[in-house]
PDB file of all heavy atoms in Angstrom:
ATOM      1  N   LEU A   1      12.331 -23.100  -0.354  1.00  0.00           N
ATOM      2  CA  LEU A   1      13.581 -23.839  -0.558  1.00  0.00           C
ATOM      3  C   LEU A   1      14.568 -23.326   0.467  1.00  0.00           C
ATOM      4  O   LEU A   1      14.882 -22.132   0.488  1.00  0.00           O
ATOM      5  CB  LEU A   1      14.102 -23.615  -1.961  1.00  0.00           C
ATOM      6  CG  LEU A   1      13.126 -23.833  -3.129  1.00  0.00           C
ATOM      7  CD1 LEU A   1      13.798 -23.541  -4.461  1.00  0.00           C
ATOM      8  CD2 LEU A   1      12.568 -25.232  -3.099  1.00  0.00           C
ATOM      9  N   VAL A   2      15.070 -24.224   1.347  1.00  0.00           N
ATOM     10  CA  VAL A   2      15.946 -23.816   2.434  1.00  0.00           C
ATOM     11  C   VAL A   2      17.289 -24.486   2.272  1.00  0.00           C
ATOM     12  O   VAL A   2      17.377 -25.711   2.131  1.00  0.00           O
ATOM     13  CB  VAL A   2      15.334 -24.191   3.813  1.00  0.00           C
ATOM     14  CG1 VAL A   2      16.235 -23.656   4.911  1.00  0.00           C
ATOM     15  CG2 VAL A   2      13.928 -23.637   3.937  1.00  0.00           C
ATOM     16  N   ASP A   3      18.359 -23.672   2.271  1.00  0.00           N
ATOM     17  CA  ASP A   3      19.729 -24.176   2.186  1.00  0.00           C
ATOM     18  C   ASP A   3      20.583 -23.325   3.107  1.00  0.00           C
ATOM     19  O   ASP A   3      20.192 -22.237   3.522  1.00  0.00           O
ATOM     20  CB  ASP A   3      20.221 -24.071   0.735  1.00  0.00           C
ATOM     21  CG  ASP A   3      21.413 -24.980   0.472  1.00  0.00           C
ATOM     22  OD1 ASP A   3      21.926 -25.605   1.430  1.00  0.00           O
ATOM     23  OD2 ASP A   3      21.827 -25.068  -0.699  1.00  0.00           O
ATOM     24  N   THR A   4      21.775 -23.817   3.456  1.00  0.00           N
ATOM     25  CA  THR A   4      22.655 -23.039   4.337  1.00  0.00           C
ATOM     26  C   THR A   4      23.165 -21.798   3.604  1.00  0.00           C
ATOM     27  O   THR A   4      23.148 -20.711   4.133  1.00  0.00           O
ATOM     28  CB  THR A   4      23.837 -23.875   4.852  1.00  0.00           C
ATOM     29  OG1 THR A   4      24.455 -24.530   3.768  1.00  0.00           O
ATOM     30  CG2 THR A   4      23.361 -24.865   5.894  1.00  0.00           C
ATOM     31  N   LYS A   5      23.652 -21.983   2.407  1.00  0.00           N
ATOM     32  CA  LYS A   5      24.108 -20.861   1.582  1.00  0.00           C
ATOM     33  C   LYS A   5      23.482 -21.056   0.202  1.00  0.00           C
ATOM     34  O   LYS A   5      23.977 -21.826  -0.621  1.00  0.00           O
ATOM     35  CB  LYS A   5      25.643 -20.851   1.441  1.00  0.00           C
ATOM     36  CG  LYS A   5      26.353 -20.417   2.689  1.00  0.00           C
ATOM     37  CD  LYS A   5      26.316 -18.913   2.796  1.00  0.00           C
ATOM     38  CE  LYS A   5      27.166 -18.485   3.978  1.00  0.00           C
ATOM     39  NZ  LYS A   5      26.768 -17.236   4.520  1.00  0.00           N
ATOM     40  N   SER A   6      22.388 -20.374  -0.025  1.00  0.00           N
ATOM     41  CA  SER A   6      21.701 -20.514  -1.321  1.00  0.00           C
ATOM     42  C   SER A   6      22.543 -19.868  -2.412  1.00  0.00           C
ATOM     43  O   SER A   6      23.029 -18.755  -2.255  1.00  0.00           O
ATOM     44  CB  SER A   6      20.346 -19.818  -1.274  1.00  0.00           C
ATOM     45  OG  SER A   6      19.564 -20.365  -0.238  1.00  0.00           O
ATOM     46  N   GLY A   7      22.721 -20.596  -3.491  1.00  0.00           N
ATOM     47  CA  GLY A   7      23.505 -20.069  -4.610  1.00  0.00           C
ATOM     48  C   GLY A   7      22.768 -18.930  -5.314  1.00  0.00           C
ATOM     49  O   GLY A   7      21.544 -18.873  -5.335  1.00  0.00           O
ATOM     50  N   GLU A   8      23.568 -18.031  -5.883  1.00  0.00           N
ATOM     51  CA  GLU A   8      23.005 -16.881  -6.586  1.00  0.00           C
ATOM     52  C   GLU A   8      22.192 -17.339  -7.814  1.00  0.00           C
ATOM     53  O   GLU A   8      21.170 -16.745  -8.140  1.00  0.00           O
ATOM     54  CB  GLU A   8      24.112 -15.935  -6.998  1.00  0.00           C
ATOM     55  CG  GLU A   8      23.637 -14.581  -7.452  1.00  0.00           C
ATOM     56  CD  GLU A   8      22.879 -13.803  -6.379  1.00  0.00           C
ATOM     57  OE1 GLU A   8      23.209 -13.932  -5.191  1.00  0.00           O
ATOM     58  OE2 GLU A   8      21.938 -13.078  -6.756  1.00  0.00           O
ATOM     59  N   HIS A   9      22.653 -18.414  -8.458  1.00  0.00           N
ATOM     60  CA  HIS A   9      21.935 -18.924  -9.620  1.00  0.00           C
ATOM     61  C   HIS A   9      20.517 -19.356  -9.245  1.00  0.00           C
ATOM     62  O   HIS A   9      19.571 -19.053  -9.967  1.00  0.00           O
ATOM     63  CB  HIS A   9      22.678 -20.129 -10.239  1.00  0.00           C
ATOM     64  CG  HIS A   9      23.865 -19.765 -11.025  1.00  0.00           C
ATOM     65  ND1 HIS A   9      23.964 -18.605 -11.765  1.00  0.00           N
ATOM     66  CD2 HIS A   9      25.054 -20.422 -11.232  1.00  0.00           C
ATOM     67  CE1 HIS A   9      25.143 -18.558 -12.376  1.00  0.00           C
ATOM     68  NE2 HIS A   9      25.838 -19.643 -12.050  1.00  0.00           N
ATOM     69  N   LEU A  10      20.383 -20.052  -8.127  1.00  0.00           N
ATOM     70  CA  LEU A  10      19.073 -20.523  -7.703  1.00  0.00           C
ATOM     71  C   LEU A  10      18.150 -19.356  -7.348  1.00  0.00           C
ATOM     72  O   LEU A  10      16.966 -19.334  -7.709  1.00  0.00           O
ATOM     73  CB  LEU A  10      19.204 -21.468  -6.503  1.00  0.00           C
ATOM     74  CG  LEU A  10      17.884 -22.095  -6.005  1.00  0.00           C
ATOM     75  CD1 LEU A  10      17.273 -22.958  -7.090  1.00  0.00           C
ATOM     76  CD2 LEU A  10      18.135 -22.905  -4.750  1.00  0.00           C
ATOM     77  N   LYS A  11      18.684 -18.381  -6.638  1.00  0.00           N
ATOM     78  CA  LYS A  11      17.871 -17.197  -6.279  1.00  0.00           C
ATOM     79  C   LYS A  11      17.372 -16.474  -7.520  1.00  0.00           C
ATOM     80  O   LYS A  11      16.215 -16.047  -7.565  1.00  0.00           O
ATOM     81  CB  LYS A  11      18.677 -16.250  -5.401  1.00  0.00           C
ATOM     82  CG  LYS A  11      18.863 -16.740  -3.983  1.00  0.00           C
ATOM     83  CD  LYS A  11      19.624 -15.743  -3.144  1.00  0.00           C
ATOM     84  CE  LYS A  11      19.779 -16.277  -1.732  1.00  0.00           C
ATOM     85  NZ  LYS A  11      20.556 -15.400  -0.894  1.00  0.00           N
ATOM     86  N   ARG A  12      18.248 -16.339  -8.510  1.00  0.00           N
ATOM     87  CA  ARG A  12      17.864 -15.647  -9.743  1.00  0.00           C
ATOM     88  C   ARG A  12      16.866 -16.499 -10.552  1.00  0.00           C
ATOM     89  O   ARG A  12      15.962 -15.963 -11.189  1.00  0.00           O
ATOM     90  CB  ARG A  12      19.085 -15.375 -10.610  1.00  0.00           C
ATOM     91  CG  ARG A  12      20.080 -14.410 -10.034  1.00  0.00           C
ATOM     92  CD  ARG A  12      19.623 -12.966 -10.081  1.00  0.00           C
ATOM     93  NE  ARG A  12      19.347 -12.452 -11.409  1.00  0.00           N
ATOM     94  CZ  ARG A  12      20.202 -11.899 -12.202  1.00  0.00           C
ATOM     95  NH1 ARG A  12      21.452 -11.756 -11.821  1.00  0.00           N
ATOM     96  NH2 ARG A  12      19.826 -11.466 -13.399  1.00  0.00           N
ATOM     97  N   ALA A  13      17.053 -17.813 -10.531  1.00  0.00           N
ATOM     98  CA  ALA A  13      16.164 -18.703 -11.288  1.00  0.00           C
ATOM     99  C   ALA A  13      14.746 -18.705 -10.733  1.00  0.00           C
ATOM    100  O   ALA A  13      13.766 -18.793 -11.475  1.00  0.00           O
ATOM    101  CB  ALA A  13      16.723 -20.119 -11.289  1.00  0.00           C
ATOM    102  N   VAL A  14      14.620 -18.557  -9.440  1.00  0.00           N
ATOM    103  CA  VAL A  14      13.323 -18.600  -8.759  1.00  0.00           C
ATOM    104  C   VAL A  14      12.644 -17.252  -8.744  1.00  0.00           C
ATOM    105  O   VAL A  14      11.459 -17.125  -8.438  1.00  0.00           O
ATOM    106  CB  VAL A  14      13.508 -19.169  -7.324  1.00  0.00           C
ATOM    107  CG1 VAL A  14      12.258 -19.084  -6.511  1.00  0.00           C
ATOM    108  CG2 VAL A  14      13.964 -20.605  -7.412  1.00  0.00           C
ATOM    109  N   GLN A  15      13.365 -16.218  -9.075  1.00  0.00           N
ATOM    110  CA  GLN A  15      12.902 -14.832  -8.978  1.00  0.00           C
ATOM    111  C   GLN A  15      11.552 -14.590  -9.670  1.00  0.00           C
ATOM    112  O   GLN A  15      10.731 -13.848  -9.162  1.00  0.00           O
ATOM    113  CB  GLN A  15      13.966 -13.913  -9.577  1.00  0.00           C
ATOM    114  CG  GLN A  15      13.912 -12.499  -9.117  1.00  0.00           C
ATOM    115  CD  GLN A  15      15.165 -11.745  -9.552  1.00  0.00           C
ATOM    116  OE1 GLN A  15      16.167 -12.352  -9.905  1.00  0.00           O
ATOM    117  NE2 GLN A  15      15.080 -10.454  -9.540  1.00  0.00           N
ATOM    118  N   ASN A  16      11.320 -15.222 -10.810  1.00  0.00           N
ATOM    119  CA  ASN A  16      10.076 -15.011 -11.555  1.00  0.00           C
ATOM    120  C   ASN A  16       8.944 -15.926 -11.127  1.00  0.00           C
ATOM    121  O   ASN A  16       7.831 -15.794 -11.618  1.00  0.00           O
ATOM    122  CB  ASN A  16      10.326 -15.184 -13.058  1.00  0.00           C
ATOM    123  CG  ASN A  16      11.053 -14.012 -13.646  1.00  0.00           C
ATOM    124  OD1 ASN A  16      10.967 -12.884 -13.136  1.00  0.00           O
ATOM    125  ND2 ASN A  16      11.768 -14.243 -14.725  1.00  0.00           N
ATOM    126  N   LEU A  17       9.203 -16.833 -10.213  1.00  0.00           N
ATOM    127  CA  LEU A  17       8.159 -17.712  -9.703  1.00  0.00           C
ATOM    128  C   LEU A  17       7.588 -17.093  -8.432  1.00  0.00           C
ATOM    129  O   LEU A  17       8.205 -17.097  -7.383  1.00  0.00           O
ATOM    130  CB  LEU A  17       8.739 -19.110  -9.418  1.00  0.00           C
ATOM    131  CG  LEU A  17       9.390 -19.803 -10.613  1.00  0.00           C
ATOM    132  CD1 LEU A  17      10.051 -21.106 -10.171  1.00  0.00           C
ATOM    133  CD2 LEU A  17       8.367 -20.061 -11.692  1.00  0.00           C
ATOM    134  N   SER A  18       6.374 -16.551  -8.538  1.00  0.00           N
ATOM    135  CA  SER A  18       5.806 -15.769  -7.447  1.00  0.00           C
ATOM    136  C   SER A  18       5.512 -16.594  -6.186  1.00  0.00           C
ATOM    137  O   SER A  18       5.493 -16.048  -5.087  1.00  0.00           O
ATOM    138  CB  SER A  18       4.533 -15.066  -7.902  1.00  0.00           C
ATOM    139  OG  SER A  18       3.581 -16.024  -8.303  1.00  0.00           O
ATOM    140  N   LYS A  19       5.282 -17.879  -6.355  1.00  0.00           N
ATOM    141  CA  LYS A  19       4.897 -18.705  -5.199  1.00  0.00           C
ATOM    142  C   LYS A  19       6.062 -19.495  -4.588  1.00  0.00           C
ATOM    143  O   LYS A  19       5.867 -20.335  -3.732  1.00  0.00           O
ATOM    144  CB  LYS A  19       3.790 -19.656  -5.599  1.00  0.00           C
ATOM    145  CG  LYS A  19       2.511 -18.936  -5.968  1.00  0.00           C
ATOM    146  CD  LYS A  19       1.415 -19.902  -6.309  1.00  0.00           C
ATOM    147  CE  LYS A  19       0.147 -19.138  -6.668  1.00  0.00           C
ATOM    148  NZ  LYS A  19      -0.937 -20.066  -6.988  1.00  0.00           N
ATOM    149  N   VAL A  20       7.286 -19.238  -5.079  1.00  0.00           N
ATOM    150  CA  VAL A  20       8.452 -19.994  -4.590  1.00  0.00           C
ATOM    151  C   VAL A  20       9.442 -19.018  -3.964  1.00  0.00           C
ATOM    152  O   VAL A  20       9.712 -17.971  -4.525  1.00  0.00           O
ATOM    153  CB  VAL A  20       9.116 -20.772  -5.741  1.00  0.00           C
ATOM    154  CG1 VAL A  20      10.325 -21.550  -5.234  1.00  0.00           C
ATOM    155  CG2 VAL A  20       8.122 -21.717  -6.387  1.00  0.00           C
ATOM    156  N   ARG A  21       9.944 -19.363  -2.783  1.00  0.00           N
ATOM    157  CA  ARG A  21      10.937 -18.538  -2.102  1.00  0.00           C
ATOM    158  C   ARG A  21      12.170 -19.362  -1.783  1.00  0.00           C
ATOM    159  O   ARG A  21      12.075 -20.533  -1.426  1.00  0.00           O
ATOM    160  CB  ARG A  21      10.391 -18.005  -0.782  1.00  0.00           C
ATOM    161  CG  ARG A  21       9.398 -16.885  -0.969  1.00  0.00           C
ATOM    162  CD  ARG A  21       9.224 -16.070   0.267  1.00  0.00           C
ATOM    163  NE  ARG A  21      10.506 -15.474   0.650  1.00  0.00           N
ATOM    164  CZ  ARG A  21      10.713 -14.916   1.808  1.00  0.00           C
ATOM    165  NH1 ARG A  21       9.787 -14.864   2.715  1.00  0.00           N
ATOM    166  NH2 ARG A  21      11.892 -14.394   2.095  1.00  0.00           N
ATOM    167  N   VAL A  22      13.331 -18.740  -1.905  1.00  0.00           N
ATOM    168  CA  VAL A  22      14.605 -19.344  -1.506  1.00  0.00           C
ATOM    169  C   VAL A  22      15.102 -18.583  -0.302  1.00  0.00           C
ATOM    170  O   VAL A  22      15.210 -17.363  -0.335  1.00  0.00           O
ATOM    171  CB  VAL A  22      15.658 -19.271  -2.638  1.00  0.00           C
ATOM    172  CG1 VAL A  22      16.966 -19.851  -2.177  1.00  0.00           C
ATOM    173  CG2 VAL A  22      15.157 -19.982  -3.867  1.00  0.00           C
ATOM    174  N   VAL A  23      15.370 -19.316   0.790  1.00  0.00           N
ATOM    175  CA  VAL A  23      15.786 -18.669   2.055  1.00  0.00           C
ATOM    176  C   VAL A  23      16.968 -19.428   2.628  1.00  0.00           C
ATOM    177  O   VAL A  23      17.008 -20.662   2.591  1.00  0.00           O
ATOM    178  CB  VAL A  23      14.614 -18.676   3.071  1.00  0.00           C
ATOM    179  CG1 VAL A  23      14.997 -17.968   4.345  1.00  0.00           C
ATOM    180  CG2 VAL A  23      13.363 -18.037   2.481  1.00  0.00           C
ATOM    181  N   ASP A  24      17.924 -18.687   3.150  1.00  0.00           N
ATOM    182  CA  ASP A  24      19.030 -19.315   3.870  1.00  0.00           C
ATOM    183  C   ASP A  24      18.514 -19.826   5.222  1.00  0.00           C
ATOM    184  O   ASP A  24      17.584 -19.260   5.790  1.00  0.00           O
ATOM    185  CB  ASP A  24      20.152 -18.303   4.116  1.00  0.00           C
ATOM    186  CG  ASP A  24      20.855 -17.932   2.822  1.00  0.00           C
ATOM    187  OD1 ASP A  24      20.731 -18.686   1.839  1.00  0.00           O
ATOM    188  OD2 ASP A  24      21.546 -16.884   2.789  1.00  0.00           O
ATOM    189  N   SER A  25      19.129 -20.867   5.732  1.00  0.00           N
ATOM    190  CA  SER A  25      18.631 -21.507   6.957  1.00  0.00           C
ATOM    191  C   SER A  25      18.688 -20.586   8.166  1.00  0.00           C
ATOM    192  O   SER A  25      17.935 -20.769   9.123  1.00  0.00           O
ATOM    193  CB  SER A  25      19.383 -22.803   7.239  1.00  0.00           C
ATOM    194  OG  SER A  25      20.779 -22.529   7.362  1.00  0.00           O
ATOM    195  N   ASN A  26      19.564 -19.602   8.156  1.00  0.00           N
ATOM    196  CA  ASN A  26      19.614 -18.681   9.297  1.00  0.00           C
ATOM    197  C   ASN A  26      18.634 -17.522   9.136  1.00  0.00           C
ATOM    198  O   ASN A  26      18.548 -16.672  10.014  1.00  0.00           O
ATOM    199  CB  ASN A  26      21.046 -18.152   9.506  1.00  0.00           C
ATOM    200  CG  ASN A  26      21.568 -17.433   8.280  1.00  0.00           C
ATOM    201  OD1 ASN A  26      20.940 -17.450   7.221  1.00  0.00           O
ATOM    202  ND2 ASN A  26      22.734 -16.812   8.413  1.00  0.00           N
ATOM    203  N   GLN A  27      17.867 -17.495   8.047  1.00  0.00           N
ATOM    204  CA  GLN A  27      16.870 -16.454   7.806  1.00  0.00           C
ATOM    205  C   GLN A  27      15.444 -16.958   7.807  1.00  0.00           C
ATOM    206  O   GLN A  27      14.525 -16.191   7.584  1.00  0.00           O
ATOM    207  CB  GLN A  27      17.166 -15.770   6.449  1.00  0.00           C
ATOM    208  CG  GLN A  27      18.526 -15.112   6.323  1.00  0.00           C
ATOM    209  CD  GLN A  27      18.639 -13.881   7.184  1.00  0.00           C
ATOM    210  OE1 GLN A  27      17.725 -13.062   7.235  1.00  0.00           O
ATOM    211  NE2 GLN A  27      19.742 -13.748   7.882  1.00  0.00           N
ATOM    212  N   VAL A  28      15.247 -18.249   8.035  1.00  0.00           N
ATOM    213  CA  VAL A  28      13.909 -18.834   7.977  1.00  0.00           C
ATOM    214  C   VAL A  28      13.076 -18.313   9.149  1.00  0.00           C
ATOM    215  O   VAL A  28      13.546 -18.230  10.281  1.00  0.00           O
ATOM    216  CB  VAL A  28      13.985 -20.377   8.055  1.00  0.00           C
ATOM    217  CG1 VAL A  28      12.604 -20.992   8.044  1.00  0.00           C
ATOM    218  CG2 VAL A  28      14.764 -20.908   6.894  1.00  0.00           C
ATOM    219  N   THR A  29      11.815 -17.975   8.859  1.00  0.00           N
ATOM    220  CA  THR A  29      10.917 -17.520   9.910  1.00  0.00           C
ATOM    221  C   THR A  29       9.665 -18.405   9.926  1.00  0.00           C
ATOM    222  O   THR A  29       9.387 -19.146   8.990  1.00  0.00           O
ATOM    223  CB  THR A  29      10.476 -16.061   9.668  1.00  0.00           C
ATOM    224  OG1 THR A  29       9.749 -16.003   8.447  1.00  0.00           O
ATOM    225  CG2 THR A  29      11.670 -15.127   9.631  1.00  0.00           C
ATOM    226  N   ALA A  30       8.901 -18.274  11.007  1.00  0.00           N
ATOM    227  CA  ALA A  30       7.660 -19.042  11.117  1.00  0.00           C
ATOM    228  C   ALA A  30       6.675 -18.624  10.019  1.00  0.00           C
ATOM    229  O   ALA A  30       5.893 -19.458   9.528  1.00  0.00           O
ATOM    230  CB  ALA A  30       7.035 -18.818  12.499  1.00  0.00           C
ATOM    231  N   ARG A  31       6.728 -17.404   9.628  1.00  0.00           N
ATOM    232  CA  ARG A  31       5.848 -16.899   8.551  1.00  0.00           C
ATOM    233  C   ARG A  31       6.177 -17.593   7.241  1.00  0.00           C
ATOM    234  O   ARG A  31       5.260 -17.999   6.520  1.00  0.00           O
ATOM    235  CB  ARG A  31       6.047 -15.378   8.403  1.00  0.00           C
ATOM    236  CG  ARG A  31       5.249 -14.736   7.327  1.00  0.00           C
ATOM    237  CD  ARG A  31       5.651 -13.277   7.252  1.00  0.00           C
ATOM    238  NE  ARG A  31       4.983 -12.574   6.182  1.00  0.00           N
ATOM    239  CZ  ARG A  31       5.392 -11.437   5.677  1.00  0.00           C
ATOM    240  NH1 ARG A  31       6.483 -10.871   6.149  1.00  0.00           N
ATOM    241  NH2 ARG A  31       4.749 -10.847   4.737  1.00  0.00           N
ATOM    242  N   ASP A  32       7.470 -17.742   6.917  1.00  0.00           N
ATOM    243  CA  ASP A  32       7.859 -18.453   5.685  1.00  0.00           C
ATOM    244  C   ASP A  32       7.362 -19.877   5.701  1.00  0.00           C
ATOM    245  O   ASP A  32       6.826 -20.376   4.716  1.00  0.00           O
ATOM    246  CB  ASP A  32       9.395 -18.465   5.558  1.00  0.00           C
ATOM    247  CG  ASP A  32       9.996 -17.096   5.341  1.00  0.00           C
ATOM    248  OD1 ASP A  32       9.301 -16.221   4.782  1.00  0.00           O
ATOM    249  OD2 ASP A  32      11.152 -16.892   5.745  1.00  0.00           O
ATOM    250  N   VAL A  33       7.550 -20.557   6.822  1.00  0.00           N
ATOM    251  CA  VAL A  33       7.188 -21.964   6.953  1.00  0.00           C
ATOM    252  C   VAL A  33       5.676 -22.126   6.872  1.00  0.00           C
ATOM    253  O   VAL A  33       5.150 -22.999   6.190  1.00  0.00           O
ATOM    254  CB  VAL A  33       7.745 -22.562   8.248  1.00  0.00           C
ATOM    255  CG1 VAL A  33       7.225 -23.966   8.470  1.00  0.00           C
ATOM    256  CG2 VAL A  33       9.266 -22.550   8.210  1.00  0.00           C
ATOM    257  N   ALA A  34       4.945 -21.258   7.593  1.00  0.00           N
ATOM    258  CA  ALA A  34       3.485 -21.386   7.611  1.00  0.00           C
ATOM    259  C   ALA A  34       2.855 -21.096   6.243  1.00  0.00           C
ATOM    260  O   ALA A  34       1.844 -21.695   5.896  1.00  0.00           O
ATOM    261  CB  ALA A  34       2.917 -20.410   8.654  1.00  0.00           C
ATOM    262  N   ALA A  35       3.468 -20.204   5.483  1.00  0.00           N
ATOM    263  CA  ALA A  35       2.914 -19.829   4.178  1.00  0.00           C
ATOM    264  C   ALA A  35       3.189 -20.869   3.101  1.00  0.00           C
ATOM    265  O   ALA A  35       2.491 -20.901   2.083  1.00  0.00           O
ATOM    266  CB  ALA A  35       3.483 -18.489   3.730  1.00  0.00           C
ATOM    267  N   ALA A  36       4.164 -21.726   3.280  1.00  0.00           N
ATOM    268  CA  ALA A  36       4.560 -22.700   2.247  1.00  0.00           C
ATOM    269  C   ALA A  36       3.731 -23.975   2.324  1.00  0.00           C
ATOM    270  O   ALA A  36       3.449 -24.472   3.398  1.00  0.00           O
ATOM    271  CB  ALA A  36       6.041 -23.038   2.387  1.00  0.00           C
ATOM    272  N   ALA A  37       3.349 -24.454   1.156  1.00  0.00           N
ATOM    273  CA  ALA A  37       2.654 -25.735   1.089  1.00  0.00           C
ATOM    274  C   ALA A  37       3.652 -26.883   1.133  1.00  0.00           C
ATOM    275  O   ALA A  37       3.383 -27.930   1.688  1.00  0.00           O
ATOM    276  CB  ALA A  37       1.809 -25.813  -0.194  1.00  0.00           C
ATOM    277  N   ARG A  38       4.822 -26.667   0.528  1.00  0.00           N
ATOM    278  CA  ARG A  38       5.883 -27.671   0.521  1.00  0.00           C
ATOM    279  C   ARG A  38       7.209 -26.999   0.880  1.00  0.00           C
ATOM    280  O   ARG A  38       7.451 -25.856   0.507  1.00  0.00           O
ATOM    281  CB  ARG A  38       6.036 -28.314  -0.863  1.00  0.00           C
ATOM    282  CG  ARG A  38       4.973 -29.266  -1.295  1.00  0.00           C
ATOM    283  CD  ARG A  38       5.046 -30.636  -0.639  1.00  0.00           C
ATOM    284  NE  ARG A  38       6.313 -31.318  -0.798  1.00  0.00           N
ATOM    285  CZ  ARG A  38       6.671 -32.020  -1.841  1.00  0.00           C
ATOM    286  NH1 ARG A  38       5.856 -32.187  -2.850  1.00  0.00           N
ATOM    287  NH2 ARG A  38       7.828 -32.627  -1.880  1.00  0.00           N
TER     288      ARG A  38
END
């Protein structure tokens, strides 16, 4: 999940989902993109 400024609520909500990551758009890497199915 990529957003410019990810909200703290979303980061905390996704914390227990091992296969989901929330990343700010200025922190996205090729590794994040390659590892994600969606």
